[in-house]
Amino acid sequence: MFERNKLVPELMVTNLDSSLAFWVSCLGFKIAYQRPEDGFAYLDLNGAQVMLEQIDSDAGQWLAAPLIKPFGRGINLQIDVEAVAPIIQKLDLAGFPLY
Protein backbone atom coordinates (compact mmCIF):
# COMPACT_ATOMS: atom_id res chain seq x y z
CA MET A 1 0.00 0.00 0.00
CA PHE A 2 1.36 3.39 -0.99
CA GLU A 3 1.82 5.78 1.92
CA ARG A 4 2.40 9.50 1.39
CA ASN A 5 5.09 11.21 3.44
CA LYS A 6 4.16 14.05 5.76
CA LEU A 7 6.34 16.52 3.83
CA VAL A 8 6.77 16.24 0.06
CA PRO A 9 8.36 18.94 -2.13
CA GLU A 10 6.35 20.02 -5.17
CA LEU A 11 8.52 21.20 -8.04
CA MET A 12 7.25 23.35 -10.89
CA VAL A 13 8.42 22.15 -14.30
CA THR A 14 8.09 23.49 -17.83
CA ASN A 15 7.41 20.09 -19.42
CA LEU A 16 6.02 17.23 -17.37
CA ASP A 17 6.83 14.55 -19.94
CA SER A 18 10.52 15.46 -20.15
CA SER A 19 10.69 15.82 -16.36
CA LEU A 20 9.14 12.38 -15.94
CA ALA A 21 11.70 10.96 -18.38
CA PHE A 22 14.44 12.29 -16.09
CA TRP A 23 12.92 11.33 -12.73
CA VAL A 24 11.58 7.93 -13.83
CA SER A 25 13.98 6.73 -16.53
CA CYS A 26 17.21 8.15 -15.11
CA LEU A 27 16.65 8.28 -11.35
CA GLY A 28 14.36 5.25 -11.04
CA PHE A 29 11.30 6.87 -9.44
CA LYS A 30 7.89 5.28 -9.99
CA ILE A 31 4.72 7.23 -10.68
CA ALA A 32 2.56 6.72 -7.60
CA TYR A 33 -0.30 8.60 -9.24
CA GLN A 34 -0.79 11.35 -11.73
CA ARG A 35 -3.34 13.73 -13.17
CA PRO A 36 -2.22 14.22 -16.77
CA GLU A 37 -5.05 16.66 -17.43
CA ASP A 38 -3.57 18.89 -14.69
CA GLY A 39 0.07 18.34 -15.65
CA PHE A 40 0.73 16.70 -12.26
CA ALA A 41 2.57 13.60 -11.09
CA TYR A 42 3.39 12.22 -7.63
CA LEU A 43 6.59 10.15 -7.63
CA ASP A 44 8.06 7.67 -5.19
CA LEU A 45 11.39 5.87 -4.88
CA ASN A 46 11.37 3.61 -1.82
CA GLY A 47 9.76 6.33 0.31
CA ALA A 48 11.58 9.30 -1.24
CA GLN A 49 8.74 11.32 -2.71
CA VAL A 50 8.37 14.38 -4.90
CA MET A 51 5.52 16.02 -6.77
CA LEU A 52 5.93 17.56 -10.22
CA GLU A 53 3.55 20.17 -11.60
CA GLN A 54 3.76 21.61 -15.10
CA ILE A 55 3.56 25.39 -15.26
CA ASP A 56 0.31 26.53 -16.83
CA SER A 57 -0.35 30.27 -16.95
CA ASP A 58 -4.09 29.60 -17.37
CA ALA A 59 -4.42 27.23 -14.39
CA GLY A 60 -4.42 29.80 -11.59
CA GLN A 61 -1.36 28.30 -9.93
CA TRP A 62 0.06 30.04 -6.88
CA LEU A 63 3.51 31.37 -7.74
CA ALA A 64 5.36 33.47 -5.18
CA ALA A 65 7.47 35.21 -7.85
CA PRO A 66 8.15 35.02 -11.57
CA LEU A 67 9.77 31.74 -12.53
CA ILE A 68 13.20 32.27 -14.06
CA LYS A 69 15.36 29.37 -15.22
CA PRO A 70 17.06 27.53 -13.76
CA PHE A 71 14.25 26.70 -11.36
CA GLY A 72 15.05 25.34 -7.91
CA ARG A 73 17.91 27.67 -7.09
CA GLY A 74 18.69 27.36 -3.42
CA ILE A 75 17.18 23.92 -2.94
CA ASN A 76 19.08 20.68 -2.52
CA LEU A 77 17.40 17.29 -2.39
CA GLN A 78 19.02 14.28 -0.76
CA ILE A 79 17.66 10.93 -1.91
CA ASP A 80 18.78 7.63 -0.39
CA VAL A 81 19.08 4.90 -3.04
CA GLU A 82 20.11 1.26 -2.96
CA ALA A 83 22.88 1.71 -5.55
CA VAL A 84 24.16 4.93 -7.08
CA ALA A 85 26.28 3.44 -9.91
CA PRO A 86 23.30 2.44 -12.13
CA ILE A 87 21.82 5.92 -11.72
CA ILE A 88 25.11 7.59 -12.65
CA GLN A 89 25.30 5.39 -15.75
CA LYS A 90 21.74 6.32 -16.80
CA LEU A 91 22.44 10.02 -16.23
CA ASP A 92 25.59 9.77 -18.33
CA LEU A 93 23.77 7.97 -21.16
CA ALA A 94 21.02 10.61 -21.08
CA GLY A 95 23.58 13.42 -21.29
CA PHE A 96 23.13 14.85 -17.80
CA PRO A 97 26.51 15.91 -16.41
CA LEU A 98 27.22 15.53 -12.72
CA TYR A 99 28.27 18.45 -10.56
C-alpha atoms as a PDB file:
ATOM      1  CA  MET A   1       0.000   0.000   0.000  1.00  0.00           C
ATOM      2  CA  PHE A   2       1.356   3.391  -0.987  1.00  0.00           C
ATOM      3  CA  GLU A   3       1.819   5.778   1.919  1.00  0.00           C
ATOM      4  CA  ARG A   4       2.396   9.501   1.394  1.00  0.00           C
ATOM      5  CA  ASN A   5       5.088  11.208   3.443  1.00  0.00           C
ATOM      6  CA  LYS A   6       4.161  14.045   5.761  1.00  0.00           C
ATOM      7  CA  LEU A   7       6.343  16.516   3.826  1.00  0.00           C
ATOM      8  CA  VAL A   8       6.773  16.241   0.059  1.00  0.00           C
ATOM      9  CA  PRO A   9       8.358  18.940  -2.133  1.00  0.00           C
ATOM     10  CA  GLU A  10       6.353  20.020  -5.169  1.00  0.00           C
ATOM     11  CA  LEU A  11       8.522  21.196  -8.036  1.00  0.00           C
ATOM     12  CA  MET A  12       7.251  23.351 -10.888  1.00  0.00           C
ATOM     13  CA  VAL A  13       8.421  22.148 -14.304  1.00  0.00           C
ATOM     14  CA  THR A  14       8.087  23.485 -17.828  1.00  0.00           C
ATOM     15  CA  ASN A  15       7.412  20.093 -19.420  1.00  0.00           C
ATOM     16  CA  LEU A  16       6.018  17.226 -17.368  1.00  0.00           C
ATOM     17  CA  ASP A  17       6.832  14.547 -19.940  1.00  0.00           C
ATOM     18  CA  SER A  18      10.522  15.462 -20.147  1.00  0.00           C
ATOM     19  CA  SER A  19      10.694  15.818 -16.362  1.00  0.00           C
ATOM     20  CA  LEU A  20       9.144  12.376 -15.935  1.00  0.00           C
ATOM     21  CA  ALA A  21      11.695  10.961 -18.381  1.00  0.00           C
ATOM     22  CA  PHE A  22      14.445  12.288 -16.087  1.00  0.00           C
ATOM     23  CA  TRP A  23      12.916  11.330 -12.729  1.00  0.00           C
ATOM     24  CA  VAL A  24      11.584   7.932 -13.825  1.00  0.00           C
ATOM     25  CA  SER A  25      13.982   6.729 -16.530  1.00  0.00           C
ATOM     26  CA  CYS A  26      17.212   8.152 -15.111  1.00  0.00           C
ATOM     27  CA  LEU A  27      16.648   8.279 -11.355  1.00  0.00           C
ATOM     28  CA  GLY A  28      14.356   5.252 -11.037  1.00  0.00           C
ATOM     29  CA  PHE A  29      11.300   6.869  -9.437  1.00  0.00           C
ATOM     30  CA  LYS A  30       7.894   5.282  -9.985  1.00  0.00           C
ATOM     31  CA  ILE A  31       4.722   7.233 -10.685  1.00  0.00           C
ATOM     32  CA  ALA A  32       2.558   6.716  -7.596  1.00  0.00           C
ATOM     33  CA  TYR A  33      -0.300   8.597  -9.237  1.00  0.00           C
ATOM     34  CA  GLN A  34      -0.787  11.348 -11.729  1.00  0.00           C
ATOM     35  CA  ARG A  35      -3.342  13.725 -13.166  1.00  0.00           C
ATOM     36  CA  PRO A  36      -2.216  14.216 -16.772  1.00  0.00           C
ATOM     37  CA  GLU A  37      -5.052  16.656 -17.427  1.00  0.00           C
ATOM     38  CA  ASP A  38      -3.572  18.894 -14.693  1.00  0.00           C
ATOM     39  CA  GLY A  39       0.074  18.340 -15.648  1.00  0.00           C
ATOM     40  CA  PHE A  40       0.730  16.701 -12.264  1.00  0.00           C
ATOM     41  CA  ALA A  41       2.573  13.595 -11.089  1.00  0.00           C
ATOM     42  CA  TYR A  42       3.393  12.219  -7.634  1.00  0.00           C
ATOM     43  CA  LEU A  43       6.592  10.148  -7.635  1.00  0.00           C
ATOM     44  CA  ASP A  44       8.059   7.666  -5.192  1.00  0.00           C
ATOM     45  CA  LEU A  45      11.388   5.870  -4.876  1.00  0.00           C
ATOM     46  CA  ASN A  46      11.366   3.606  -1.816  1.00  0.00           C
ATOM     47  CA  GLY A  47       9.759   6.327   0.306  1.00  0.00           C
ATOM     48  CA  ALA A  48      11.583   9.297  -1.238  1.00  0.00           C
ATOM     49  CA  GLN A  49       8.741  11.320  -2.706  1.00  0.00           C
ATOM     50  CA  VAL A  50       8.374  14.377  -4.902  1.00  0.00           C
ATOM     51  CA  MET A  51       5.523  16.017  -6.773  1.00  0.00           C
ATOM     52  CA  LEU A  52       5.931  17.562 -10.222  1.00  0.00           C
ATOM     53  CA  GLU A  53       3.546  20.170 -11.603  1.00  0.00           C
ATOM     54  CA  GLN A  54       3.763  21.611 -15.096  1.00  0.00           C
ATOM     55  CA  ILE A  55       3.564  25.386 -15.264  1.00  0.00           C
ATOM     56  CA  ASP A  56       0.311  26.535 -16.830  1.00  0.00           C
ATOM     57  CA  SER A  57      -0.353  30.266 -16.949  1.00  0.00           C
ATOM     58  CA  ASP A  58      -4.087  29.597 -17.373  1.00  0.00           C
ATOM     59  CA  ALA A  59      -4.422  27.233 -14.389  1.00  0.00           C
ATOM     60  CA  GLY A  60      -4.417  29.804 -11.586  1.00  0.00           C
ATOM     61  CA  GLN A  61      -1.359  28.296  -9.931  1.00  0.00           C
ATOM     62  CA  TRP A  62       0.055  30.036  -6.875  1.00  0.00           C
ATOM     63  CA  LEU A  63       3.510  31.367  -7.745  1.00  0.00           C
ATOM     64  CA  ALA A  64       5.356  33.473  -5.184  1.00  0.00           C
ATOM     65  CA  ALA A  65       7.469  35.211  -7.849  1.00  0.00           C
ATOM     66  CA  PRO A  66       8.150  35.024 -11.569  1.00  0.00           C
ATOM     67  CA  LEU A  67       9.767  31.735 -12.534  1.00  0.00           C
ATOM     68  CA  ILE A  68      13.196  32.268 -14.062  1.00  0.00           C
ATOM     69  CA  LYS A  69      15.362  29.375 -15.217  1.00  0.00           C
ATOM     70  CA  PRO A  70      17.062  27.532 -13.763  1.00  0.00           C
ATOM     71  CA  PHE A  71      14.246  26.698 -11.363  1.00  0.00           C
ATOM     72  CA  GLY A  72      15.051  25.341  -7.908  1.00  0.00           C
ATOM     73  CA  ARG A  73      17.905  27.667  -7.094  1.00  0.00           C
ATOM     74  CA  GLY A  74      18.689  27.362  -3.420  1.00  0.00           C
ATOM     75  CA  ILE A  75      17.176  23.917  -2.939  1.00  0.00           C
ATOM     76  CA  ASN A  76      19.078  20.679  -2.524  1.00  0.00           C
ATOM     77  CA  LEU A  77      17.397  17.287  -2.390  1.00  0.00           C
ATOM     78  CA  GLN A  78      19.023  14.279  -0.758  1.00  0.00           C
ATOM     79  CA  ILE A  79      17.664  10.929  -1.908  1.00  0.00           C
ATOM     80  CA  ASP A  80      18.778   7.629  -0.392  1.00  0.00           C
ATOM     81  CA  VAL A  81      19.079   4.903  -3.036  1.00  0.00           C
ATOM     82  CA  GLU A  82      20.115   1.257  -2.961  1.00  0.00           C
ATOM     83  CA  ALA A  83      22.882   1.714  -5.548  1.00  0.00           C
ATOM     84  CA  VAL A  84      24.160   4.929  -7.084  1.00  0.00           C
ATOM     85  CA  ALA A  85      26.278   3.442  -9.911  1.00  0.00           C
ATOM     86  CA  PRO A  86      23.305   2.441 -12.129  1.00  0.00           C
ATOM     87  CA  ILE A  87      21.817   5.918 -11.716  1.00  0.00           C
ATOM     88  CA  ILE A  88      25.110   7.592 -12.647  1.00  0.00           C
ATOM     89  CA  GLN A  89      25.299   5.393 -15.746  1.00  0.00           C
ATOM     90  CA  LYS A  90      21.737   6.319 -16.797  1.00  0.00           C
ATOM     91  CA  LEU A  91      22.440  10.020 -16.235  1.00  0.00           C
ATOM     92  CA  ASP A  92      25.591   9.769 -18.327  1.00  0.00           C
ATOM     93  CA  LEU A  93      23.773   7.966 -21.159  1.00  0.00           C
ATOM     94  CA  ALA A  94      21.021  10.607 -21.078  1.00  0.00           C
ATOM     95  CA  GLY A  95      23.584  13.416 -21.289  1.00  0.00           C
ATOM     96  CA  PHE A  96      23.129  14.848 -17.797  1.00  0.00           C
ATOM     97  CA  PRO A  97      26.514  15.913 -16.413  1.00  0.00           C
ATOM     98  CA  LEU A  98      27.218  15.528 -12.717  1.00  0.00           C
ATOM     99  CA  TYR A  99      28.274  18.447 -10.565  1.00  0.00           C
END
